[in-house]
């Protein structure tokens, strides 16, 4: 009888180990996908920063042109 109980306990422990291994594999897969997604987001953010920097430069140039026109018209 004791041997049957031992076998049942061992079987349950084996099933728990398999479940834990499956969870570990799933978490590693999720971590890999999240790392890749964060890399994509970081690259996109860098692109937006460059675009904003370029736009601010253009806006500065337009502002200077407007000031010159105002000076010519006002003066």
C-alpha atoms as a PDB file:
ATOM      1  CA  UNK A   1       0.000   0.000   0.000  1.00  0.00           C
ATOM      2  CA  UNK A   2       2.815   2.394   0.885  1.00  0.00           C
ATOM      3  CA  UNK A   3       4.433   1.688  -2.464  1.00  0.00           C
ATOM      4  CA  UNK A   4       1.210   2.694  -4.261  1.00  0.00           C
ATOM      5  CA  UNK A   5       1.098   5.989  -2.374  1.00  0.00           C
ATOM      6  CA  UNK A   6       4.765   6.626  -3.162  1.00  0.00           C
ATOM      7  CA  UNK A   7       4.102   5.972  -6.865  1.00  0.00           C
ATOM      8  CA  UNK A   8       1.096   8.319  -6.840  1.00  0.00           C
ATOM      9  CA  UNK A   9       3.125  11.070  -5.165  1.00  0.00           C
ATOM     10  CA  UNK A  10       6.005  10.586  -7.598  1.00  0.00           C
ATOM     11  CA  UNK A  11       3.587  10.705 -10.531  1.00  0.00           C
ATOM     12  CA  UNK A  12       2.092  13.980  -9.267  1.00  0.00           C
ATOM     13  CA  UNK A  13       5.568  15.445  -8.757  1.00  0.00           C
ATOM     14  CA  UNK A  14       6.515  14.427 -12.303  1.00  0.00           C
ATOM     15  CA  UNK A  15       3.398  16.139 -13.683  1.00  0.00           C
ATOM     16  CA  UNK A  16       4.171  19.269 -11.659  1.00  0.00           C
ATOM     17  CA  UNK A  17       7.734  19.276 -13.015  1.00  0.00           C
ATOM     18  CA  UNK A  18       6.418  19.000 -16.579  1.00  0.00           C
ATOM     19  CA  UNK A  19       4.023  21.899 -15.958  1.00  0.00           C
ATOM     20  CA  UNK A  20       6.839  24.013 -14.536  1.00  0.00           C
ATOM     21  CA  UNK A  21       9.067  23.219 -17.517  1.00  0.00           C
ATOM     22  CA  UNK A  22       6.258  24.253 -19.856  1.00  0.00           C
ATOM     23  CA  UNK A  23       5.803  27.513 -17.963  1.00  0.00           C
ATOM     24  CA  UNK A  24       9.549  28.180 -18.060  1.00  0.00           C
ATOM     25  CA  UNK A  25       9.638  27.609 -21.824  1.00  0.00           C
ATOM     26  CA  UNK A  26       6.637  29.881 -22.293  1.00  0.00           C
ATOM     27  CA  UNK A  27       8.218  32.631 -20.193  1.00  0.00           C
ATOM     28  CA  UNK A  28      11.494  32.398 -22.136  1.00  0.00           C
ATOM     29  CA  UNK A  29       9.585  32.651 -25.414  1.00  0.00           C
ATOM     30  CA  UNK A  30       7.646  35.649 -24.124  1.00  0.00           C
ATOM     31  CA  UNK A  31      10.862  37.312 -22.930  1.00  0.00           C
ATOM     32  CA  UNK A  32      12.448  36.842 -26.355  1.00  0.00           C
ATOM     33  CA  UNK A  33       9.420  38.346 -28.123  1.00  0.00           C
ATOM     34  CA  UNK A  34       9.261  41.264 -25.680  1.00  0.00           C
ATOM     35  CA  UNK A  35      12.977  42.005 -26.137  1.00  0.00           C
ATOM     36  CA  UNK A  36      12.489  42.092 -29.906  1.00  0.00           C
ATOM     37  CA  UNK A  37       9.426  44.329 -29.565  1.00  0.00           C
ATOM     38  CA  UNK A  38      11.252  46.736 -27.246  1.00  0.00           C
ATOM     39  CA  UNK A  39      14.098  46.930 -29.769  1.00  0.00           C
ATOM     40  CA  UNK A  40      11.542  47.820 -32.472  1.00  0.00           C
ATOM     41  CA  UNK A  41       9.968  50.481 -30.261  1.00  0.00           C
ATOM     42  CA  UNK A  42      13.368  51.930 -29.407  1.00  0.00           C
ATOM     43  CA  UNK A  43      14.277  52.183 -33.102  1.00  0.00           C
ATOM     44  CA  UNK A  44      10.943  53.847 -33.879  1.00  0.00           C
ATOM     45  CA  UNK A  45      11.424  56.312 -31.026  1.00  0.00           C
ATOM     46  CA  UNK A  46      14.873  57.192 -32.318  1.00  0.00           C
ATOM     47  CA  UNK A  47      13.345  57.851 -35.743  1.00  0.00           C
ATOM     48  CA  UNK A  48      10.767  60.158 -34.187  1.00  0.00           C
ATOM     49  CA  UNK A  49      13.476  62.035 -32.323  1.00  0.00           C
ATOM     50  CA  UNK A  50      15.409  62.590 -35.533  1.00  0.00           C
ATOM     51  CA  UNK A  51      12.263  63.762 -37.309  1.00  0.00           C
ATOM     52  CA  UNK A  52      11.432  66.225 -34.524  1.00  0.00           C
ATOM     53  CA  UNK A  53      15.001  67.527 -34.543  1.00  0.00           C
ATOM     54  CA  UNK A  54      14.785  68.066 -38.314  1.00  0.00           C
ATOM     55  CA  UNK A  55      11.417  69.786 -38.018  1.00  0.00           C
ATOM     56  CA  UNK A  56      12.648  72.095 -35.273  1.00  0.00           C
ATOM     57  CA  UNK A  57      15.541  73.127 -37.502  1.00  0.00           C
ATOM     58  CA  UNK A  58      13.139  73.900 -40.367  1.00  0.00           C
ATOM     59  CA  UNK A  59      10.853  75.841 -38.030  1.00  0.00           C
ATOM     60  CA  UNK A  60      13.848  77.884 -36.853  1.00  0.00           C
ATOM     61  CA  UNK A  61      14.747  78.720 -40.449  1.00  0.00           C
ATOM     62  CA  UNK A  62      11.163  79.747 -41.230  1.00  0.00           C
ATOM     63  CA  UNK A  63      11.101  81.920 -38.108  1.00  0.00           C
ATOM     64  CA  UNK A  64      14.260  83.745 -39.252  1.00  0.00           C
ATOM     65  CA  UNK A  65      12.783  84.320 -42.726  1.00  0.00           C
ATOM     66  CA  UNK A  66       9.580  85.708 -41.210  1.00  0.00           C
ATOM     67  CA  UNK A  67      11.621  88.051 -39.016  1.00  0.00           C
ATOM     68  CA  UNK A  68      13.539  89.303 -42.059  1.00  0.00           C
ATOM     69  CA  UNK A  69      10.308  89.872 -43.972  1.00  0.00           C
ATOM     70  CA  UNK A  70       8.810  91.700 -40.998  1.00  0.00           C
ATOM     71  CA  UNK A  71      11.893  93.907 -40.844  1.00  0.00           C
ATOM     72  CA  UNK A  72      11.688  94.685 -44.569  1.00  0.00           C
ATOM     73  CA  UNK A  73       7.964  95.389 -44.472  1.00  0.00           C
ATOM     74  CA  UNK A  74       8.050  97.316 -41.221  1.00  0.00           C
ATOM     75  CA  UNK A  75      11.195  99.235 -41.969  1.00  0.00           C
END
